[in-house]
Amino acid sequence: EKLTISEPSNAYEFGQIVNAVNANQDQSVCADLLTITDPKKLPMLLSNKLEGETFMIFIQSLEHYILGKDPGLVYQHLFYLSKAERFKVVLALLSRNEKEHVQQLFALLAENQNHQYSLEELDSLKKVYEL
């Protein structure tokens, strides 16, 4: 049965939902979480708990569930995800295959570009992701 979630008010609640998402590898629930979470709050909600597994399920959920509906939200989440503690560490530990997933998401964002971000902003963010 699908997990029903409401917007987490703190890092602990966010972490509990992320743990459940990771345990079930549930991209649709992760997409729900990212849809109801203000991207600006992502670094605070992640606190110092960003891990590779969480990073990748965020990337996959953004690509498979949110990109088609709201590319601007995907861009915002990628932007604020890059501000999270441990972002550089997680990035450094990604496998080649995982990096290709991230690259693919950026390519799809470029194809679906809208008024919420420019291609220059996207290119600049790609550099932050070391792509």
Protein backbone atom coordinates (compact mmCIF):
# COMPACT_ATOMS: atom_id res chain seq x y z
CA GLU A 1 0.00 0.00 0.00
CA LYS A 2 1.20 3.48 -0.82
CA LEU A 3 2.61 5.65 1.93
CA THR A 4 0.58 8.83 2.48
CA ILE A 5 2.71 11.80 3.40
CA SER A 6 2.26 15.37 4.48
CA GLU A 7 4.84 18.14 4.32
CA PRO A 8 7.56 17.45 6.91
CA SER A 9 8.08 20.31 9.34
CA ASN A 10 11.60 19.39 10.42
CA ALA A 11 14.70 17.39 9.50
CA TYR A 12 13.65 14.46 11.70
CA GLU A 13 10.25 14.01 9.98
CA PHE A 14 11.87 14.46 6.56
CA GLY A 15 14.49 11.84 7.46
CA GLN A 16 11.82 9.36 8.58
CA ILE A 17 10.02 9.67 5.22
CA VAL A 18 13.29 9.44 3.28
CA ASN A 19 14.22 6.28 5.22
CA ALA A 20 10.86 4.70 4.31
CA VAL A 21 11.29 5.76 0.66
CA ASN A 22 14.81 4.24 0.55
CA ALA A 23 13.70 1.02 2.28
CA ASN A 24 10.98 0.48 -0.35
CA GLN A 25 12.84 2.15 -3.24
CA ASP A 26 9.55 3.98 -3.79
CA GLN A 27 10.10 6.66 -6.41
CA SER A 28 6.44 7.71 -6.55
CA VAL A 29 6.29 8.45 -2.80
CA CYS A 30 9.64 10.23 -3.12
CA ALA A 31 8.15 12.33 -5.94
CA ASP A 32 5.18 13.17 -3.69
CA LEU A 33 7.60 14.23 -0.96
CA LEU A 34 9.58 16.44 -3.36
CA THR A 35 6.37 17.92 -4.78
CA ILE A 36 5.09 19.06 -1.37
CA THR A 37 8.51 20.15 -0.06
CA ASP A 38 9.63 23.71 -0.73
CA PRO A 39 12.97 23.32 -2.59
CA LYS A 40 14.46 26.19 -0.54
CA LYS A 41 13.97 24.06 2.61
CA LEU A 42 15.79 21.03 1.18
CA PRO A 43 19.26 21.80 2.63
CA MET A 44 17.75 22.38 6.09
CA LEU A 45 15.54 19.28 5.92
CA LEU A 46 18.39 17.06 4.72
CA SER A 47 20.58 18.45 7.50
CA ASN A 48 23.85 16.45 7.35
CA LYS A 49 22.09 13.25 6.26
CA LEU A 50 22.51 13.34 2.48
CA GLU A 51 23.68 9.91 1.26
CA GLY A 52 24.25 8.49 -2.21
CA GLU A 53 21.15 6.30 -2.03
CA THR A 54 18.94 9.28 -1.15
CA PHE A 55 20.58 11.45 -3.80
CA MET A 56 19.90 8.84 -6.50
CA ILE A 57 16.27 8.21 -5.56
CA PHE A 58 15.74 12.00 -5.66
CA ILE A 59 17.29 12.12 -9.15
CA GLN A 60 15.19 9.18 -10.41
CA SER A 61 11.97 10.51 -8.86
CA LEU A 62 12.55 13.96 -10.34
CA GLU A 63 13.12 12.42 -13.76
CA HIS A 64 10.34 9.82 -13.79
CA TYR A 65 7.55 11.59 -11.92
CA ILE A 66 8.05 15.36 -11.81
CA LEU A 67 9.92 16.42 -14.96
CA GLY A 68 6.93 15.86 -17.27
CA LYS A 69 4.64 17.95 -15.06
CA ASP A 70 6.94 20.67 -13.74
CA PRO A 71 10.50 21.05 -15.10
CA GLY A 72 10.87 24.28 -13.09
CA LEU A 73 10.37 22.37 -9.84
CA VAL A 74 13.01 19.84 -10.92
CA TYR A 75 15.47 22.66 -11.61
CA GLN A 76 14.71 24.25 -8.20
CA HIS A 77 15.24 20.94 -6.38
CA LEU A 78 18.54 20.31 -8.19
CA PHE A 79 19.66 23.85 -7.36
CA TYR A 80 18.90 23.56 -3.64
CA LEU A 81 20.09 19.95 -3.43
CA SER A 82 23.51 21.27 -4.48
CA LYS A 83 23.47 23.54 -1.38
CA ALA A 84 22.98 20.61 1.01
CA GLU A 85 25.69 19.55 3.44
CA ARG A 86 27.60 16.52 2.12
CA PHE A 87 26.60 17.31 -1.50
CA LYS A 88 30.25 17.39 -2.70
CA VAL A 89 31.01 14.17 -0.80
CA VAL A 90 28.03 12.34 -2.32
CA LEU A 91 28.91 13.68 -5.78
CA ALA A 92 32.49 12.43 -5.45
CA LEU A 93 31.27 8.93 -4.54
CA LEU A 94 28.78 8.48 -7.40
CA SER A 95 29.48 5.61 -9.77
CA ARG A 96 29.85 6.23 -13.49
CA ASN A 97 26.38 4.79 -14.07
CA GLU A 98 24.87 7.09 -11.42
CA LYS A 99 26.60 10.12 -12.96
CA GLU A 100 25.05 9.15 -16.31
CA HIS A 101 21.59 9.22 -14.66
CA VAL A 102 22.26 12.76 -13.43
CA GLN A 103 23.57 13.77 -16.87
CA GLN A 104 20.40 12.36 -18.46
CA LEU A 105 18.19 14.39 -16.11
CA PHE A 106 20.06 17.57 -17.08
CA ALA A 107 19.67 16.71 -20.78
CA LEU A 108 15.92 16.25 -20.31
CA LEU A 109 15.73 19.56 -18.42
CA ALA A 110 17.41 21.28 -21.37
CA GLU A 111 14.86 19.71 -23.76
CA ASN A 112 11.96 20.76 -21.52
CA GLN A 113 13.34 24.21 -20.73
CA ASN A 114 10.71 26.75 -19.69
CA HIS A 115 10.48 30.33 -18.38
CA GLN A 116 11.45 29.26 -14.83
CA TYR A 117 15.13 28.78 -15.74
CA SER A 118 17.38 29.69 -18.66
CA LEU A 119 19.76 27.36 -20.48
CA GLU A 120 22.61 29.49 -19.06
CA GLU A 121 21.37 28.84 -15.51
CA LEU A 122 21.10 25.14 -16.34
CA ASP A 123 24.67 25.09 -17.72
CA SER A 124 25.92 26.83 -14.61
CA LEU A 125 24.16 24.26 -12.40
CA LYS A 126 25.63 21.42 -14.49
CA LYS A 127 29.09 22.69 -13.56
CA VAL A 128 28.15 22.53 -9.87
CA TYR A 129 27.21 18.88 -10.49
CA GLU A 130 30.60 18.44 -12.23
CA LEU A 131 29.01 17.35 -15.52
